[in-house]
Amino acid sequence: MESTHYEITVRGWLGEATREAFDGLNARSTPARTVLCGEIADQSALHGVLDRIQSLGLELVAVRPTRPQGGCTCHRF
């Protein structure tokens, strides 16, 4: 099965320690939101990321598959 590139948006700015909980994903933050992006192997891995968002008490805003060829505008941390 081929992995899918996702952008996952949560409300608020995530500090470095919180972003590190999402190892393997890149991030870009503004005071209002943080976008995590990168390759996610399969639906099980996606649910793992979503479970981590919930367990950290973050508010999920959006999840969308994207094309990696366009270049991720997130930065590796």
PDB file of N, CA and C in Angstrom:
ATOM      1  N   MET A   1       0.845  -1.191   0.000  1.00  0.00           N
ATOM      2  CA  MET A   1       0.000   0.000   0.000  1.00  0.00           C
ATOM      3  C   MET A   1       0.886   1.248   0.000  1.00  0.00           C
ATOM      4  N   GLU A   2       0.511   2.223  -0.788  1.00  0.00           N
ATOM      5  CA  GLU A   2       1.277   3.457  -0.914  1.00  0.00           C
ATOM      6  C   GLU A   2       0.865   4.462   0.159  1.00  0.00           C
ATOM      7  N   SER A   3       1.849   5.168   0.702  1.00  0.00           N
ATOM      8  CA  SER A   3       1.550   6.184   1.712  1.00  0.00           C
ATOM      9  C   SER A   3       0.891   7.391   1.047  1.00  0.00           C
ATOM     10  N   THR A   4       0.252   8.213   1.887  1.00  0.00           N
ATOM     11  CA  THR A   4      -0.431   9.416   1.422  1.00  0.00           C
ATOM     12  C   THR A   4       0.137  10.614   2.158  1.00  0.00           C
ATOM     13  N   HIS A   5       0.293  11.703   1.445  1.00  0.00           N
ATOM     14  CA  HIS A   5       0.753  12.964   2.038  1.00  0.00           C
ATOM     15  C   HIS A   5      -0.464  13.695   2.595  1.00  0.00           C
ATOM     16  N   TYR A   6      -0.392  14.137   3.850  1.00  0.00           N
ATOM     17  CA  TYR A   6      -1.503  14.834   4.506  1.00  0.00           C
ATOM     18  C   TYR A   6      -1.068  16.172   5.063  1.00  0.00           C
ATOM     19  N   GLU A   7      -2.020  17.095   5.150  1.00  0.00           N
ATOM     20  CA  GLU A   7      -1.901  18.314   5.954  1.00  0.00           C
ATOM     21  C   GLU A   7      -2.974  18.223   7.031  1.00  0.00           C
ATOM     22  N   ILE A   8      -2.540  18.325   8.279  1.00  0.00           N
ATOM     23  CA  ILE A   8      -3.437  18.219   9.428  1.00  0.00           C
ATOM     24  C   ILE A   8      -3.329  19.524  10.203  1.00  0.00           C
ATOM     25  N   THR A   9      -4.446  20.232  10.333  1.00  0.00           N
ATOM     26  CA  THR A   9      -4.453  21.541  10.986  1.00  0.00           C
ATOM     27  C   THR A   9      -5.080  21.430  12.366  1.00  0.00           C
ATOM     28  N   VAL A  10      -4.385  22.012  13.357  1.00  0.00           N
ATOM     29  CA  VAL A  10      -4.914  22.091  14.721  1.00  0.00           C
ATOM     30  C   VAL A  10      -4.953  23.556  15.144  1.00  0.00           C
ATOM     31  N   ARG A  11      -5.846  23.883  16.055  1.00  0.00           N
ATOM     32  CA  ARG A  11      -5.979  25.260  16.520  1.00  0.00           C
ATOM     33  C   ARG A  11      -4.834  25.601  17.471  1.00  0.00           C
ATOM     34  N   GLY A  12      -4.265  26.780  17.275  1.00  0.00           N
ATOM     35  CA  GLY A  12      -3.234  27.302  18.173  1.00  0.00           C
ATOM     36  C   GLY A  12      -1.817  27.014  17.705  1.00  0.00           C
ATOM     37  N   TRP A  13      -0.904  27.682  18.359  1.00  0.00           N
ATOM     38  CA  TRP A  13       0.520  27.541  18.081  1.00  0.00           C
ATOM     39  C   TRP A  13       1.069  26.415  18.935  1.00  0.00           C
ATOM     40  N   LEU A  14       1.788  25.479  18.327  1.00  0.00           N
ATOM     41  CA  LEU A  14       2.389  24.380  19.078  1.00  0.00           C
ATOM     42  C   LEU A  14       3.863  24.659  19.303  1.00  0.00           C
ATOM     43  N   GLY A  15       4.278  24.541  20.530  1.00  0.00           N
ATOM     44  CA  GLY A  15       5.686  24.702  20.861  1.00  0.00           C
ATOM     45  C   GLY A  15       6.495  23.506  20.385  1.00  0.00           C
ATOM     46  N   GLU A  16       7.800  23.634  20.463  1.00  0.00           N
ATOM     47  CA  GLU A  16       8.696  22.588  19.970  1.00  0.00           C
ATOM     48  C   GLU A  16       8.451  21.251  20.659  1.00  0.00           C
ATOM     49  N   ALA A  17       8.270  21.258  21.958  1.00  0.00           N
ATOM     50  CA  ALA A  17       8.061  19.998  22.683  1.00  0.00           C
ATOM     51  C   ALA A  17       6.810  19.274  22.197  1.00  0.00           C
ATOM     52  N   THR A  18       5.747  20.012  21.944  1.00  0.00           N
ATOM     53  CA  THR A  18       4.511  19.394  21.460  1.00  0.00           C
ATOM     54  C   THR A  18       4.683  18.922  20.025  1.00  0.00           C
ATOM     55  N   ARG A  19       5.352  19.700  19.192  1.00  0.00           N
ATOM     56  CA  ARG A  19       5.585  19.284  17.803  1.00  0.00           C
ATOM     57  C   ARG A  19       6.396  18.005  17.737  1.00  0.00           C
ATOM     58  N   GLU A  20       7.304  17.824  18.694  1.00  0.00           N
ATOM     59  CA  GLU A  20       8.131  16.611  18.706  1.00  0.00           C
ATOM     60  C   GLU A  20       7.302  15.349  18.930  1.00  0.00           C
ATOM     61  N   ALA A  21       6.093  15.487  19.453  1.00  0.00           N
ATOM     62  CA  ALA A  21       5.200  14.332  19.615  1.00  0.00           C
ATOM     63  C   ALA A  21       4.750  13.801  18.261  1.00  0.00           C
ATOM     64  N   PHE A  22       4.968  14.581  17.212  1.00  0.00           N
ATOM     65  CA  PHE A  22       4.555  14.203  15.861  1.00  0.00           C
ATOM     66  C   PHE A  22       5.783  13.944  15.000  1.00  0.00           C
ATOM     67  N   ASP A  23       6.677  13.130  15.525  1.00  0.00           N
ATOM     68  CA  ASP A  23       7.923  12.775  14.847  1.00  0.00           C
ATOM     69  C   ASP A  23       7.642  12.278  13.434  1.00  0.00           C
ATOM     70  N   GLY A  24       8.403  12.777  12.492  1.00  0.00           N
ATOM     71  CA  GLY A  24       8.227  12.370  11.108  1.00  0.00           C
ATOM     72  C   GLY A  24       7.365  13.321  10.297  1.00  0.00           C
ATOM     73  N   LEU A  25       6.664  14.232  10.975  1.00  0.00           N
ATOM     74  CA  LEU A  25       5.859  15.230  10.273  1.00  0.00           C
ATOM     75  C   LEU A  25       6.543  16.583  10.366  1.00  0.00           C
ATOM     76  N   ASN A  26       6.361  17.385   9.359  1.00  0.00           N
ATOM     77  CA  ASN A  26       6.846  18.762   9.358  1.00  0.00           C
ATOM     78  C   ASN A  26       5.752  19.652   9.916  1.00  0.00           C
ATOM     79  N   ALA A  27       6.117  20.893  10.291  1.00  0.00           N
ATOM     80  CA  ALA A  27       5.120  21.795  10.867  1.00  0.00           C
ATOM     81  C   ALA A  27       5.380  23.230  10.467  1.00  0.00           C
ATOM     82  N   ARG A  28       4.282  23.984  10.369  1.00  0.00           N
ATOM     83  CA  ARG A  28       4.359  25.447  10.263  1.00  0.00           C
ATOM     84  C   ARG A  28       3.308  25.987  11.215  1.00  0.00           C
ATOM     85  N   SER A  29       3.672  27.024  11.939  1.00  0.00           N
ATOM     86  CA  SER A  29       2.776  27.561  12.969  1.00  0.00           C
ATOM     87  C   SER A  29       2.564  29.049  12.810  1.00  0.00           C
ATOM     88  N   THR A  30       1.374  29.472  13.145  1.00  0.00           N
ATOM     89  CA  THR A  30       1.038  30.870  13.341  1.00  0.00           C
ATOM     90  C   THR A  30       0.416  30.920  14.734  1.00  0.00           C
ATOM     91  N   PRO A  31       0.183  32.095  15.282  1.00  0.00           N
ATOM     92  CA  PRO A  31      -0.463  32.127  16.595  1.00  0.00           C
ATOM     93  C   PRO A  31      -1.832  31.448  16.596  1.00  0.00           C
ATOM     94  N   ALA A  32      -2.522  31.428  15.461  1.00  0.00           N
ATOM     95  CA  ALA A  32      -3.879  30.893  15.400  1.00  0.00           C
ATOM     96  C   ALA A  32      -3.951  29.400  15.103  1.00  0.00           C
ATOM     97  N   ARG A  33      -2.931  28.853  14.412  1.00  0.00           N
ATOM     98  CA  ARG A  33      -3.017  27.450  14.025  1.00  0.00           C
ATOM     99  C   ARG A  33      -1.645  26.869  13.741  1.00  0.00           C
ATOM    100  N   THR A  34      -1.610  25.549  13.725  1.00  0.00           N
ATOM    101  CA  THR A  34      -0.408  24.818  13.324  1.00  0.00           C
ATOM    102  C   THR A  34      -0.828  23.794  12.286  1.00  0.00           C
ATOM    103  N   VAL A  35      -0.057  23.707  11.221  1.00  0.00           N
ATOM    104  CA  VAL A  35      -0.298  22.708  10.185  1.00  0.00           C
ATOM    105  C   VAL A  35       0.839  21.697  10.245  1.00  0.00           C
ATOM    106  N   LEU A  36       0.478  20.436  10.440  1.00  0.00           N
ATOM    107  CA  LEU A  36       1.422  19.325  10.401  1.00  0.00           C
ATOM    108  C   LEU A  36       1.290  18.697   9.025  1.00  0.00           C
ATOM    109  N   CYS A  37       2.394  18.378   8.380  1.00  0.00           N
ATOM    110  CA  CYS A  37       2.290  17.760   7.068  1.00  0.00           C
ATOM    111  C   CYS A  37       3.389  16.740   6.854  1.00  0.00           C
ATOM    112  N   GLY A  38       3.078  15.788   6.009  1.00  0.00           N
ATOM    113  CA  GLY A  38       4.044  14.752   5.671  1.00  0.00           C
ATOM    114  C   GLY A  38       3.370  13.479   5.220  1.00  0.00           C
ATOM    115  N   GLU A  39       4.201  12.492   4.930  1.00  0.00           N
ATOM    116  CA  GLU A  39       3.721  11.191   4.490  1.00  0.00           C
ATOM    117  C   GLU A  39       3.223  10.388   5.680  1.00  0.00           C
ATOM    118  N   ILE A  40       2.048   9.812   5.536  1.00  0.00           N
ATOM    119  CA  ILE A  40       1.475   8.926   6.550  1.00  0.00           C
ATOM    120  C   ILE A  40       1.219   7.596   5.856  1.00  0.00           C
ATOM    121  N   ALA A  41       1.739   6.525   6.427  1.00  0.00           N
ATOM    122  CA  ALA A  41       1.808   5.226   5.767  1.00  0.00           C
ATOM    123  C   ALA A  41       0.456   4.645   5.370  1.00  0.00           C
ATOM    124  N   ASP A  42      -0.529   4.724   6.275  1.00  0.00           N
ATOM    125  CA  ASP A  42      -1.817   4.097   6.001  1.00  0.00           C
ATOM    126  C   ASP A  42      -2.864   4.646   6.964  1.00  0.00           C
ATOM    127  N   GLN A  43      -4.085   4.129   6.866  1.00  0.00           N
ATOM    128  CA  GLN A  43      -5.180   4.619   7.709  1.00  0.00           C
ATOM    129  C   GLN A  43      -4.894   4.398   9.192  1.00  0.00           C
ATOM    130  N   SER A  44      -4.259   3.293   9.522  1.00  0.00           N
ATOM    131  CA  SER A  44      -3.923   3.018  10.921  1.00  0.00           C
ATOM    132  C   SER A  44      -2.970   4.089  11.466  1.00  0.00           C
ATOM    133  N   ALA A  45      -1.970   4.452  10.678  1.00  0.00           N
ATOM    134  CA  ALA A  45      -1.027   5.492  11.094  1.00  0.00           C
ATOM    135  C   ALA A  45      -1.722   6.843  11.204  1.00  0.00           C
ATOM    136  N   LEU A  46      -2.644   7.137  10.293  1.00  0.00           N
ATOM    137  CA  LEU A  46      -3.404   8.385  10.366  1.00  0.00           C
ATOM    138  C   LEU A  46      -4.218   8.429  11.650  1.00  0.00           C
ATOM    139  N   HIS A  47      -4.878   7.333  11.984  1.00  0.00           N
ATOM    140  CA  HIS A  47      -5.650   7.289  13.228  1.00  0.00           C
ATOM    141  C   HIS A  47      -4.743   7.449  14.440  1.00  0.00           C
ATOM    142  N   GLY A  48      -3.516   6.951  14.357  1.00  0.00           N
ATOM    143  CA  GLY A  48      -2.553   7.145  15.439  1.00  0.00           C
ATOM    144  C   GLY A  48      -2.229   8.614  15.645  1.00  0.00           C
ATOM    145  N   VAL A  49      -2.038   9.348  14.554  1.00  0.00           N
ATOM    146  CA  VAL A  49      -1.773  10.792  14.649  1.00  0.00           C
ATOM    147  C   VAL A  49      -2.988  11.507  15.230  1.00  0.00           C
ATOM    148  N   LEU A  50      -4.174  11.148  14.767  1.00  0.00           N
ATOM    149  CA  LEU A  50      -5.399  11.787  15.270  1.00  0.00           C
ATOM    150  C   LEU A  50      -5.609  11.464  16.753  1.00  0.00           C
ATOM    151  N   ASP A  51      -5.305  10.240  17.169  1.00  0.00           N
ATOM    152  CA  ASP A  51      -5.395   9.879  18.595  1.00  0.00           C
ATOM    153  C   ASP A  51      -4.419  10.698  19.436  1.00  0.00           C
ATOM    154  N   ARG A  52      -3.212  10.940  18.891  1.00  0.00           N
ATOM    155  CA  ARG A  52      -2.217  11.746  19.603  1.00  0.00           C
ATOM    156  C   ARG A  52      -2.710  13.184  19.765  1.00  0.00           C
ATOM    157  N   ILE A  53      -3.330  13.724  18.723  1.00  0.00           N
ATOM    158  CA  ILE A  53      -3.906  15.073  18.794  1.00  0.00           C
ATOM    159  C   ILE A  53      -4.929  15.133  19.911  1.00  0.00           C
ATOM    160  N   GLN A  54      -5.808  14.143  19.970  1.00  0.00           N
ATOM    161  CA  GLN A  54      -6.838  14.110  21.014  1.00  0.00           C
ATOM    162  C   GLN A  54      -6.223  13.953  22.398  1.00  0.00           C
ATOM    163  N   SER A  55      -5.244  13.064  22.544  1.00  0.00           N
ATOM    164  CA  SER A  55      -4.654  12.826  23.864  1.00  0.00           C
ATOM    165  C   SER A  55      -3.893  14.037  24.391  1.00  0.00           C
ATOM    166  N   LEU A  56      -3.420  14.894  23.486  1.00  0.00           N
ATOM    167  CA  LEU A  56      -2.734  16.125  23.890  1.00  0.00           C
ATOM    168  C   LEU A  56      -3.710  17.276  24.137  1.00  0.00           C
ATOM    169  N   GLY A  57      -4.997  17.016  23.928  1.00  0.00           N
ATOM    170  CA  GLY A  57      -6.009  18.044  24.162  1.00  0.00           C
ATOM    171  C   GLY A  57      -6.034  19.124  23.101  1.00  0.00           C
ATOM    172  N   LEU A  58      -5.564  18.808  21.897  1.00  0.00           N
ATOM    173  CA  LEU A  58      -5.548  19.785  20.818  1.00  0.00           C
ATOM    174  C   LEU A  58      -6.870  19.750  20.064  1.00  0.00           C
ATOM    175  N   GLU A  59      -7.238  20.881  19.496  1.00  0.00           N
ATOM    176  CA  GLU A  59      -8.473  20.964  18.715  1.00  0.00           C
ATOM    177  C   GLU A  59      -8.158  20.755  17.240  1.00  0.00           C
ATOM    178  N   LEU A  60      -8.693  19.698  16.681  1.00  0.00           N
ATOM    179  CA  LEU A  60      -8.505  19.387  15.269  1.00  0.00           C
ATOM    180  C   LEU A  60      -9.378  20.312  14.428  1.00  0.00           C
ATOM    181  N   VAL A  61      -8.769  20.942  13.422  1.00  0.00           N
ATOM    182  CA  VAL A  61      -9.497  21.854  12.544  1.00  0.00           C
ATOM    183  C   VAL A  61      -9.752  21.206  11.187  1.00  0.00           C
ATOM    184  N   ALA A  62      -8.732  20.546  10.628  1.00  0.00           N
ATOM    185  CA  ALA A  62      -8.887  19.966   9.295  1.00  0.00           C
ATOM    186  C   ALA A  62      -7.870  18.861   9.058  1.00  0.00           C
ATOM    187  N   VAL A  63      -8.264  17.907   8.224  1.00  0.00           N
ATOM    188  CA  VAL A  63      -7.373  16.854   7.732  1.00  0.00           C
ATOM    189  C   VAL A  63      -7.614  16.765   6.241  1.00  0.00           C
ATOM    190  N   ARG A  64      -6.537  16.870   5.466  1.00  0.00           N
ATOM    191  CA  ARG A  64      -6.746  16.754   4.028  1.00  0.00           C
ATOM    192  C   ARG A  64      -5.544  16.102   3.354  1.00  0.00           C
ATOM    193  N   PRO A  65      -5.814  15.177   2.449  1.00  0.00           N
ATOM    194  CA  PRO A  65      -4.720  14.613   1.660  1.00  0.00           C
ATOM    195  C   PRO A  65      -4.244  15.660   0.656  1.00  0.00           C
ATOM    196  N   THR A  66      -2.951  15.698   0.422  1.00  0.00           N
ATOM    197  CA  THR A  66      -2.376  16.666  -0.512  1.00  0.00           C
ATOM    198  C   THR A  66      -1.390  15.963  -1.433  1.00  0.00           C
ATOM    199  N   ARG A  67      -0.935  16.684  -2.406  1.00  0.00           N
ATOM    200  CA  ARG A  67       0.081  16.159  -3.321  1.00  0.00           C
ATOM    201  C   ARG A  67       1.455  16.583  -2.837  1.00  0.00           C
ATOM    202  N   PRO A  68       2.354  15.639  -2.619  1.00  0.00           N
ATOM    203  CA  PRO A  68       3.688  16.015  -2.176  1.00  0.00           C
ATOM    204  C   PRO A  68       4.505  16.712  -3.256  1.00  0.00           C
ATOM    205  N   GLN A  69       4.146  16.532  -4.538  1.00  0.00           N
ATOM    206  CA  GLN A  69       4.902  17.151  -5.627  1.00  0.00           C
ATOM    207  C   GLN A  69       4.836  18.670  -5.555  1.00  0.00           C
ATOM    208  N   GLY A  70       3.789  19.228  -4.973  1.00  0.00           N
ATOM    209  CA  GLY A  70       3.648  20.664  -4.873  1.00  0.00           C
ATOM    210  C   GLY A  70       4.631  21.268  -3.876  1.00  0.00           C
ATOM    211  N   GLY A  71       5.267  20.423  -3.104  1.00  0.00           N
ATOM    212  CA  GLY A  71       6.213  20.905  -2.116  1.00  0.00           C
ATOM    213  C   GLY A  71       5.506  21.270  -0.830  1.00  0.00           C
ATOM    214  N   CYS A  72       5.858  20.625   0.211  1.00  0.00           N
ATOM    215  CA  CYS A  72       5.275  20.910   1.508  1.00  0.00           C
ATOM    216  C   CYS A  72       5.778  22.265   1.994  1.00  0.00           C
ATOM    217  N   THR A  73       4.868  23.111   2.414  1.00  0.00           N
ATOM    218  CA  THR A  73       5.278  24.429   2.913  1.00  0.00           C
ATOM    219  C   THR A  73       5.575  24.379   4.403  1.00  0.00           C
ATOM    220  N   CYS A  74       5.524  23.192   4.967  1.00  0.00           N
ATOM    221  CA  CYS A  74       5.884  23.022   6.372  1.00  0.00           C
ATOM    222  C   CYS A  74       7.393  22.807   6.474  1.00  0.00           C
ATOM    223  N   HIS A  75       7.936  23.020   7.654  1.00  0.00           N
ATOM    224  CA  HIS A  75       9.370  22.892   7.868  1.00  0.00           C
ATOM    225  C   HIS A  75       9.647  21.771   8.837  1.00  0.00           C
ATOM    226  N   ARG A  76      10.693  21.022   8.552  1.00  0.00           N
ATOM    227  CA  ARG A  76      11.102  19.943   9.446  1.00  0.00           C
ATOM    228  C   ARG A  76      11.586  20.561  10.746  1.00  0.00           C
ATOM    229  N   PHE A  77      11.199  19.990  11.875  1.00  0.00           N
ATOM    230  CA  PHE A  77      11.654  20.500  13.179  1.00  0.00           C
ATOM    231  C   PHE A  77      12.503  19.484  13.852  1.00  0.00           C
TER     232      PHE A  77
END
